[in-house]
Amino acid sequence: MIFATPANWEAGGRVVVAPGMASDVAREKYSNFEVTALPSGKDYLRFVDCPDLSKFSAPDGVEAPGPVDSGALDFRAQLGTSFPDFACNSTHGSFTFHEFLDREPRWTMLFSHPKDFTPVCTTELGTCQTLNAEFMRRGVKLIGLSCD
C-alpha cells in the first residue's frame, strides 16, 4: 500500500498514489486510477479512491492501527498554533525550529512534503525557491520539512 493524502483530504476521499508504485501497476490494481499529466505527457498526480484499509495487514511486529478517531481529523494548524521544538539539519546549518522562528523576518511559512526528489515535491520546492524573494519582500521566511 503506497498512498499519500492531499493537504485538504477528508476521510473517505481520493488518495494520491505515491511514486513507489508504478502507474502501470496502479492501473492494473485499481479500476478508478486517474492521472493528471504534465504538458510533457509524464504522469504528475495519480489518484485512486481510498481503499478499504481493513483488507491490509500490518507487517510482522507492527501493531495495526485501531479505528480512526474522527475528531483527530479536524486538526488544522492555524495562525498562532504552538508547534513543538525540534532539531533542524538544513542546507543552512543546524538549529532548532524555535530558533528559526525567532529569526527575522517575523512571519514563517512551514511547508512539508512527503519525499525528496519526487516529481511533485521537486516541483513544489522549486516553486517555493522561485517565490522566496517575494515571500521575503512580504516579511515571510520559508522552511520546508520532509520525512527523509
N, C-alpha and C. Protein backbone atom coordinates (compact mmCIF):
# COMPACT_ATOMS: atom_id res chain seq x y z
N MET A 1 0.85 -1.16 0.00
CA MET A 1 0.00 0.00 0.00
C MET A 1 0.90 1.23 0.00
N ILE A 2 0.82 2.03 -1.02
CA ILE A 2 1.67 3.20 -1.15
C ILE A 2 0.78 4.38 -1.53
N PHE A 3 0.28 5.08 -0.51
CA PHE A 3 -0.62 6.20 -0.73
C PHE A 3 -0.20 7.39 0.10
N ALA A 4 -0.65 8.55 -0.31
CA ALA A 4 -0.46 9.78 0.45
C ALA A 4 -1.79 10.51 0.40
N THR A 5 -2.00 11.41 1.33
CA THR A 5 -3.23 12.18 1.34
C THR A 5 -2.93 13.64 1.02
N PRO A 6 -3.74 14.25 0.17
CA PRO A 6 -3.56 15.69 -0.10
C PRO A 6 -3.80 16.49 1.18
N ALA A 7 -3.31 17.71 1.22
CA ALA A 7 -3.45 18.55 2.41
C ALA A 7 -4.90 18.77 2.80
N ASN A 8 -5.80 18.82 1.83
CA ASN A 8 -7.21 19.06 2.11
C ASN A 8 -8.03 17.77 2.14
N TRP A 9 -7.37 16.64 2.39
CA TRP A 9 -8.02 15.34 2.37
C TRP A 9 -9.05 15.21 3.47
N GLU A 10 -10.15 14.56 3.15
CA GLU A 10 -11.17 14.23 4.14
C GLU A 10 -11.35 12.73 4.13
N ALA A 11 -11.67 12.15 5.28
CA ALA A 11 -11.83 10.71 5.41
C ALA A 11 -12.73 10.17 4.30
N GLY A 12 -12.26 9.11 3.64
CA GLY A 12 -13.02 8.51 2.55
C GLY A 12 -12.76 9.13 1.18
N GLY A 13 -12.01 10.24 1.14
CA GLY A 13 -11.73 10.91 -0.12
C GLY A 13 -10.68 10.17 -0.95
N ARG A 14 -10.46 10.64 -2.16
CA ARG A 14 -9.46 10.02 -3.03
C ARG A 14 -8.07 10.26 -2.45
N VAL A 15 -7.15 9.35 -2.70
CA VAL A 15 -5.79 9.44 -2.18
C VAL A 15 -4.81 9.49 -3.35
N VAL A 16 -3.64 10.02 -3.09
CA VAL A 16 -2.58 10.12 -4.08
C VAL A 16 -1.80 8.80 -4.08
N VAL A 17 -1.54 8.27 -5.26
CA VAL A 17 -0.69 7.09 -5.40
C VAL A 17 0.75 7.61 -5.36
N ALA A 18 1.50 7.18 -4.36
CA ALA A 18 2.86 7.66 -4.17
C ALA A 18 3.79 7.13 -5.26
N PRO A 19 4.95 7.79 -5.46
CA PRO A 19 5.87 7.41 -6.52
C PRO A 19 6.39 5.97 -6.43
N GLY A 20 6.31 5.36 -5.26
CA GLY A 20 6.81 3.99 -5.10
C GLY A 20 6.01 2.95 -5.86
N MET A 21 4.82 3.30 -6.34
CA MET A 21 4.01 2.37 -7.12
C MET A 21 3.96 2.87 -8.56
N ALA A 22 4.41 2.05 -9.48
CA ALA A 22 4.42 2.43 -10.89
C ALA A 22 2.99 2.61 -11.40
N SER A 23 2.80 3.53 -12.35
CA SER A 23 1.47 3.79 -12.90
C SER A 23 0.84 2.55 -13.50
N ASP A 24 1.61 1.74 -14.23
CA ASP A 24 1.02 0.54 -14.84
C ASP A 24 0.55 -0.45 -13.77
N VAL A 25 1.26 -0.55 -12.65
CA VAL A 25 0.83 -1.43 -11.55
C VAL A 25 -0.45 -0.89 -10.92
N ALA A 26 -0.49 0.42 -10.66
CA ALA A 26 -1.68 1.04 -10.07
C ALA A 26 -2.88 0.90 -11.01
N ARG A 27 -2.65 1.06 -12.30
CA ARG A 27 -3.74 0.94 -13.28
C ARG A 27 -4.34 -0.46 -13.27
N GLU A 28 -3.48 -1.48 -13.12
CA GLU A 28 -3.96 -2.86 -13.06
C GLU A 28 -4.70 -3.13 -11.74
N LYS A 29 -4.22 -2.57 -10.67
CA LYS A 29 -4.74 -2.86 -9.34
C LYS A 29 -6.02 -2.10 -9.01
N TYR A 30 -6.17 -0.89 -9.53
CA TYR A 30 -7.30 -0.03 -9.18
C TYR A 30 -8.05 0.40 -10.43
N SER A 31 -9.32 0.03 -10.51
CA SER A 31 -10.11 0.36 -11.69
C SER A 31 -10.41 1.86 -11.78
N ASN A 32 -10.30 2.57 -10.66
CA ASN A 32 -10.61 4.00 -10.63
C ASN A 32 -9.36 4.88 -10.66
N PHE A 33 -8.27 4.33 -11.16
CA PHE A 33 -6.99 5.05 -11.26
C PHE A 33 -7.14 6.22 -12.22
N GLU A 34 -6.69 7.40 -11.80
CA GLU A 34 -6.78 8.61 -12.61
C GLU A 34 -5.45 9.33 -12.59
N VAL A 35 -5.02 9.82 -13.73
CA VAL A 35 -3.73 10.50 -13.83
C VAL A 35 -3.93 11.92 -14.36
N THR A 36 -3.24 12.86 -13.74
CA THR A 36 -3.11 14.21 -14.29
C THR A 36 -1.69 14.29 -14.83
N ALA A 37 -1.57 14.55 -16.10
CA ALA A 37 -0.25 14.55 -16.74
C ALA A 37 0.33 15.96 -16.85
N LEU A 38 1.65 16.02 -16.90
CA LEU A 38 2.35 17.27 -17.19
C LEU A 38 2.21 17.57 -18.68
N PRO A 39 2.49 18.80 -19.13
CA PRO A 39 2.44 19.08 -20.56
C PRO A 39 3.32 18.15 -21.39
N SER A 40 4.38 17.63 -20.77
CA SER A 40 5.27 16.71 -21.47
C SER A 40 4.64 15.34 -21.66
N GLY A 41 3.49 15.09 -20.99
CA GLY A 41 2.85 13.78 -21.05
C GLY A 41 3.25 12.88 -19.91
N LYS A 42 4.23 13.29 -19.12
CA LYS A 42 4.68 12.48 -17.98
C LYS A 42 3.63 12.54 -16.87
N ASP A 43 3.40 11.38 -16.22
CA ASP A 43 2.45 11.34 -15.10
C ASP A 43 2.86 12.33 -14.03
N TYR A 44 1.89 13.06 -13.50
CA TYR A 44 2.17 14.05 -12.47
C TYR A 44 1.48 13.66 -11.17
N LEU A 45 0.16 13.86 -11.08
CA LEU A 45 -0.60 13.43 -9.92
C LEU A 45 -1.43 12.22 -10.30
N ARG A 46 -1.43 11.22 -9.42
CA ARG A 46 -2.14 9.97 -9.69
C ARG A 46 -3.04 9.67 -8.50
N PHE A 47 -4.34 9.50 -8.74
CA PHE A 47 -5.31 9.33 -7.68
C PHE A 47 -6.08 8.03 -7.82
N VAL A 48 -6.53 7.49 -6.68
CA VAL A 48 -7.50 6.39 -6.64
C VAL A 48 -8.44 6.68 -5.47
N ASP A 49 -9.61 6.02 -5.48
CA ASP A 49 -10.49 6.12 -4.32
C ASP A 49 -9.78 5.50 -3.13
N CYS A 50 -10.06 5.99 -1.95
CA CYS A 50 -9.44 5.45 -0.75
C CYS A 50 -9.81 3.98 -0.62
N PRO A 51 -8.81 3.09 -0.59
CA PRO A 51 -9.11 1.66 -0.49
C PRO A 51 -9.64 1.30 0.90
N ASP A 52 -10.29 0.17 0.99
CA ASP A 52 -10.77 -0.35 2.27
C ASP A 52 -9.55 -0.82 3.05
N LEU A 53 -9.15 -0.04 4.04
CA LEU A 53 -7.92 -0.32 4.78
C LEU A 53 -8.02 -1.58 5.63
N SER A 54 -9.22 -2.07 5.87
CA SER A 54 -9.35 -3.30 6.67
C SER A 54 -8.80 -4.51 5.93
N LYS A 55 -8.62 -4.40 4.59
CA LYS A 55 -8.08 -5.50 3.79
C LYS A 55 -6.57 -5.61 3.89
N PHE A 56 -5.93 -4.60 4.46
CA PHE A 56 -4.48 -4.59 4.57
C PHE A 56 -4.06 -5.05 5.95
N SER A 57 -3.00 -5.80 6.03
CA SER A 57 -2.49 -6.24 7.33
C SER A 57 -1.17 -5.54 7.60
N ALA A 58 -0.89 -5.36 8.87
CA ALA A 58 0.36 -4.72 9.27
C ALA A 58 1.51 -5.70 9.12
N PRO A 59 2.73 -5.23 8.83
CA PRO A 59 3.89 -6.11 8.76
C PRO A 59 4.12 -6.80 10.11
N ASP A 60 4.80 -7.93 10.09
CA ASP A 60 5.10 -8.65 11.32
C ASP A 60 5.78 -7.72 12.32
N GLY A 61 5.32 -7.79 13.56
CA GLY A 61 5.92 -6.98 14.62
C GLY A 61 5.39 -5.56 14.71
N VAL A 62 4.48 -5.18 13.80
CA VAL A 62 3.92 -3.83 13.82
C VAL A 62 2.45 -3.94 14.18
N GLU A 63 2.04 -3.18 15.18
CA GLU A 63 0.65 -3.22 15.59
C GLU A 63 -0.21 -2.47 14.58
N ALA A 64 -1.28 -3.11 14.14
CA ALA A 64 -2.20 -2.46 13.19
C ALA A 64 -2.91 -1.32 13.89
N PRO A 65 -3.13 -0.22 13.18
CA PRO A 65 -3.83 0.90 13.81
C PRO A 65 -5.27 0.53 14.11
N GLY A 66 -5.79 1.09 15.18
CA GLY A 66 -7.19 0.86 15.54
C GLY A 66 -8.09 1.79 14.74
N PRO A 67 -9.35 1.87 15.12
CA PRO A 67 -10.28 2.76 14.42
C PRO A 67 -9.79 4.20 14.49
N VAL A 68 -10.05 4.96 13.46
CA VAL A 68 -9.64 6.36 13.41
C VAL A 68 -10.61 7.20 14.22
N ASP A 69 -10.08 8.04 15.09
CA ASP A 69 -10.90 8.97 15.85
C ASP A 69 -11.22 10.13 14.92
N SER A 70 -12.47 10.26 14.54
CA SER A 70 -12.83 11.30 13.57
C SER A 70 -12.53 12.69 14.09
N GLY A 71 -12.48 12.87 15.41
CA GLY A 71 -12.13 14.17 15.96
C GLY A 71 -10.70 14.55 15.64
N ALA A 72 -9.81 13.55 15.51
CA ALA A 72 -8.41 13.82 15.20
C ALA A 72 -8.26 14.37 13.79
N LEU A 73 -9.21 14.07 12.90
CA LEU A 73 -9.12 14.54 11.52
C LEU A 73 -9.45 16.02 11.39
N ASP A 74 -10.00 16.61 12.46
CA ASP A 74 -10.40 18.01 12.41
C ASP A 74 -9.25 18.97 12.71
N PHE A 75 -8.05 18.47 13.08
CA PHE A 75 -6.94 19.34 13.43
C PHE A 75 -6.46 20.10 12.21
N ARG A 76 -6.31 21.38 12.35
CA ARG A 76 -5.74 22.23 11.31
C ARG A 76 -4.79 23.20 12.01
N ALA A 77 -3.59 23.33 11.50
CA ALA A 77 -2.67 24.33 12.03
C ALA A 77 -3.20 25.69 11.59
N GLN A 78 -3.26 26.60 12.52
CA GLN A 78 -3.76 27.93 12.24
C GLN A 78 -2.76 28.95 12.76
N LEU A 79 -2.95 30.20 12.38
CA LEU A 79 -2.09 31.25 12.91
C LEU A 79 -2.12 31.17 14.42
N GLY A 80 -0.96 31.19 15.04
CA GLY A 80 -0.87 31.15 16.49
C GLY A 80 -0.77 29.75 17.07
N THR A 81 -0.89 28.71 16.25
CA THR A 81 -0.77 27.34 16.75
C THR A 81 0.64 27.13 17.27
N SER A 82 0.77 26.52 18.45
CA SER A 82 2.08 26.22 19.02
C SER A 82 2.60 24.91 18.47
N PHE A 83 3.81 24.92 17.95
CA PHE A 83 4.46 23.71 17.45
C PHE A 83 5.58 23.34 18.39
N PRO A 84 5.84 22.05 18.56
CA PRO A 84 6.96 21.64 19.43
C PRO A 84 8.29 22.01 18.79
N ASP A 85 9.29 22.17 19.62
CA ASP A 85 10.64 22.45 19.12
C ASP A 85 11.27 21.13 18.66
N PHE A 86 12.07 21.19 17.61
CA PHE A 86 12.77 20.00 17.12
C PHE A 86 14.06 20.44 16.43
N ALA A 87 15.00 19.52 16.33
CA ALA A 87 16.29 19.81 15.70
C ALA A 87 16.12 19.87 14.19
N CYS A 88 16.76 20.85 13.56
CA CYS A 88 16.74 21.01 12.11
C CYS A 88 18.17 20.89 11.58
N ASN A 89 18.37 20.03 10.62
CA ASN A 89 19.64 19.93 9.90
C ASN A 89 19.34 20.33 8.47
N SER A 90 19.88 21.46 8.05
CA SER A 90 19.49 22.01 6.76
C SER A 90 20.71 22.40 5.93
N THR A 91 20.42 22.88 4.74
CA THR A 91 21.48 23.39 3.87
C THR A 91 22.06 24.69 4.42
N HIS A 92 21.39 25.26 5.43
CA HIS A 92 21.86 26.48 6.07
C HIS A 92 22.37 26.22 7.48
N GLY A 93 22.73 24.98 7.77
CA GLY A 93 23.28 24.65 9.08
C GLY A 93 22.28 23.96 9.98
N SER A 94 22.71 23.75 11.24
CA SER A 94 21.86 23.08 12.23
C SER A 94 21.33 24.11 13.21
N PHE A 95 20.10 23.97 13.60
CA PHE A 95 19.44 24.87 14.54
C PHE A 95 18.17 24.19 15.01
N THR A 96 17.49 24.79 15.97
CA THR A 96 16.19 24.25 16.38
C THR A 96 15.10 25.03 15.66
N PHE A 97 13.95 24.43 15.57
CA PHE A 97 12.82 25.07 14.90
C PHE A 97 12.48 26.39 15.58
N HIS A 98 12.47 26.41 16.91
CA HIS A 98 12.13 27.64 17.62
C HIS A 98 13.19 28.72 17.42
N GLU A 99 14.46 28.34 17.29
CA GLU A 99 15.50 29.33 16.96
C GLU A 99 15.20 29.94 15.60
N PHE A 100 14.80 29.11 14.67
CA PHE A 100 14.46 29.62 13.33
C PHE A 100 13.28 30.59 13.41
N LEU A 101 12.27 30.25 14.21
CA LEU A 101 11.10 31.11 14.34
C LEU A 101 11.46 32.48 14.90
N ASP A 102 12.49 32.52 15.77
CA ASP A 102 12.89 33.78 16.39
C ASP A 102 13.68 34.69 15.44
N ARG A 103 14.09 34.17 14.30
CA ARG A 103 14.85 34.98 13.33
C ARG A 103 13.92 35.92 12.58
N GLU A 104 14.51 36.95 12.01
CA GLU A 104 13.77 37.86 11.14
C GLU A 104 13.73 37.26 9.74
N PRO A 105 12.72 37.50 8.97
CA PRO A 105 11.53 38.26 9.31
C PRO A 105 10.63 37.51 10.29
N ARG A 106 9.66 38.22 10.82
CA ARG A 106 8.83 37.71 11.92
C ARG A 106 7.97 36.53 11.52
N TRP A 107 7.38 36.57 10.33
CA TRP A 107 6.45 35.52 9.90
C TRP A 107 7.20 34.35 9.26
N THR A 108 6.67 33.13 9.47
CA THR A 108 7.28 31.92 8.93
C THR A 108 6.21 31.09 8.23
N MET A 109 6.55 30.57 7.06
CA MET A 109 5.69 29.60 6.40
C MET A 109 6.39 28.25 6.45
N LEU A 110 5.80 27.30 7.17
CA LEU A 110 6.30 25.94 7.25
C LEU A 110 5.54 25.12 6.23
N PHE A 111 6.25 24.49 5.32
CA PHE A 111 5.58 23.60 4.37
C PHE A 111 6.25 22.25 4.45
N SER A 112 5.50 21.23 4.13
CA SER A 112 6.06 19.88 4.22
C SER A 112 5.81 19.14 2.91
N HIS A 113 6.62 18.14 2.70
CA HIS A 113 6.46 17.28 1.53
C HIS A 113 6.84 15.87 1.93
N PRO A 114 6.22 14.87 1.32
CA PRO A 114 6.40 13.50 1.81
C PRO A 114 7.70 12.82 1.42
N LYS A 115 8.36 13.24 0.34
CA LYS A 115 9.54 12.50 -0.11
C LYS A 115 10.39 13.40 -1.00
N ASP A 116 11.68 13.46 -0.71
CA ASP A 116 12.59 14.23 -1.56
C ASP A 116 12.74 13.60 -2.94
N PHE A 117 13.00 14.43 -3.92
CA PHE A 117 13.34 14.03 -5.28
C PHE A 117 12.24 13.23 -5.98
N THR A 118 10.99 13.56 -5.70
CA THR A 118 9.87 13.00 -6.44
C THR A 118 9.31 14.13 -7.30
N PRO A 119 8.62 13.81 -8.40
CA PRO A 119 8.18 14.87 -9.32
C PRO A 119 7.36 15.97 -8.67
N VAL A 120 6.37 15.63 -7.86
CA VAL A 120 5.52 16.65 -7.26
C VAL A 120 6.31 17.48 -6.27
N CYS A 121 7.02 16.83 -5.37
CA CYS A 121 7.76 17.56 -4.34
C CYS A 121 8.84 18.45 -4.93
N THR A 122 9.53 17.95 -5.92
CA THR A 122 10.58 18.74 -6.55
C THR A 122 9.99 19.99 -7.20
N THR A 123 8.82 19.84 -7.85
CA THR A 123 8.15 20.98 -8.46
C THR A 123 7.73 21.99 -7.40
N GLU A 124 7.13 21.50 -6.31
CA GLU A 124 6.68 22.39 -5.25
C GLU A 124 7.85 23.11 -4.59
N LEU A 125 8.93 22.38 -4.29
CA LEU A 125 10.10 23.01 -3.68
C LEU A 125 10.71 24.05 -4.62
N GLY A 126 10.79 23.71 -5.89
CA GLY A 126 11.33 24.66 -6.87
C GLY A 126 10.50 25.92 -6.94
N THR A 127 9.18 25.77 -6.87
CA THR A 127 8.29 26.93 -6.90
C THR A 127 8.49 27.79 -5.66
N CYS A 128 8.61 27.15 -4.50
CA CYS A 128 8.87 27.91 -3.27
C CYS A 128 10.19 28.67 -3.37
N GLN A 129 11.22 28.02 -3.90
CA GLN A 129 12.51 28.68 -4.07
C GLN A 129 12.38 29.87 -5.01
N THR A 130 11.65 29.69 -6.10
CA THR A 130 11.44 30.78 -7.06
C THR A 130 10.72 31.96 -6.41
N LEU A 131 9.78 31.67 -5.52
CA LEU A 131 8.98 32.72 -4.88
C LEU A 131 9.60 33.23 -3.58
N ASN A 132 10.75 32.69 -3.17
CA ASN A 132 11.35 33.07 -1.90
C ASN A 132 11.57 34.58 -1.77
N ALA A 133 12.08 35.22 -2.80
CA ALA A 133 12.33 36.67 -2.73
C ALA A 133 11.02 37.43 -2.50
N GLU A 134 9.95 36.98 -3.14
CA GLU A 134 8.65 37.64 -2.95
C GLU A 134 8.14 37.43 -1.53
N PHE A 135 8.30 36.22 -0.99
CA PHE A 135 7.91 35.98 0.40
C PHE A 135 8.73 36.88 1.33
N MET A 136 10.04 36.97 1.13
CA MET A 136 10.89 37.80 1.97
C MET A 136 10.47 39.27 1.87
N ARG A 137 10.14 39.71 0.66
CA ARG A 137 9.68 41.09 0.47
C ARG A 137 8.43 41.36 1.31
N ARG A 138 7.64 40.34 1.51
CA ARG A 138 6.40 40.47 2.30
C ARG A 138 6.61 40.15 3.78
N GLY A 139 7.88 39.91 4.18
CA GLY A 139 8.17 39.67 5.58
C GLY A 139 7.92 38.25 6.05
N VAL A 140 8.08 37.28 5.12
CA VAL A 140 7.83 35.87 5.46
C VAL A 140 9.05 35.05 5.08
N LYS A 141 9.56 34.25 6.04
CA LYS A 141 10.65 33.33 5.73
C LYS A 141 10.05 31.93 5.54
N LEU A 142 10.70 31.10 4.76
CA LEU A 142 10.22 29.76 4.46
C LEU A 142 11.09 28.71 5.10
N ILE A 143 10.44 27.61 5.50
CA ILE A 143 11.18 26.44 5.95
C ILE A 143 10.38 25.21 5.50
N GLY A 144 11.09 24.25 4.90
CA GLY A 144 10.45 23.03 4.43
C GLY A 144 10.81 21.86 5.32
N LEU A 145 9.86 20.94 5.47
CA LEU A 145 10.03 19.78 6.33
C LEU A 145 9.74 18.53 5.51
N SER A 146 10.63 17.53 5.60
CA SER A 146 10.45 16.28 4.89
C SER A 146 10.73 15.13 5.83
N CYS A 147 10.06 14.01 5.59
CA CYS A 147 10.29 12.83 6.43
C CYS A 147 11.64 12.18 6.12
N ASP A 148 12.25 12.53 5.01
CA ASP A 148 13.56 11.95 4.68
C ASP A 148 14.60 13.03 4.51
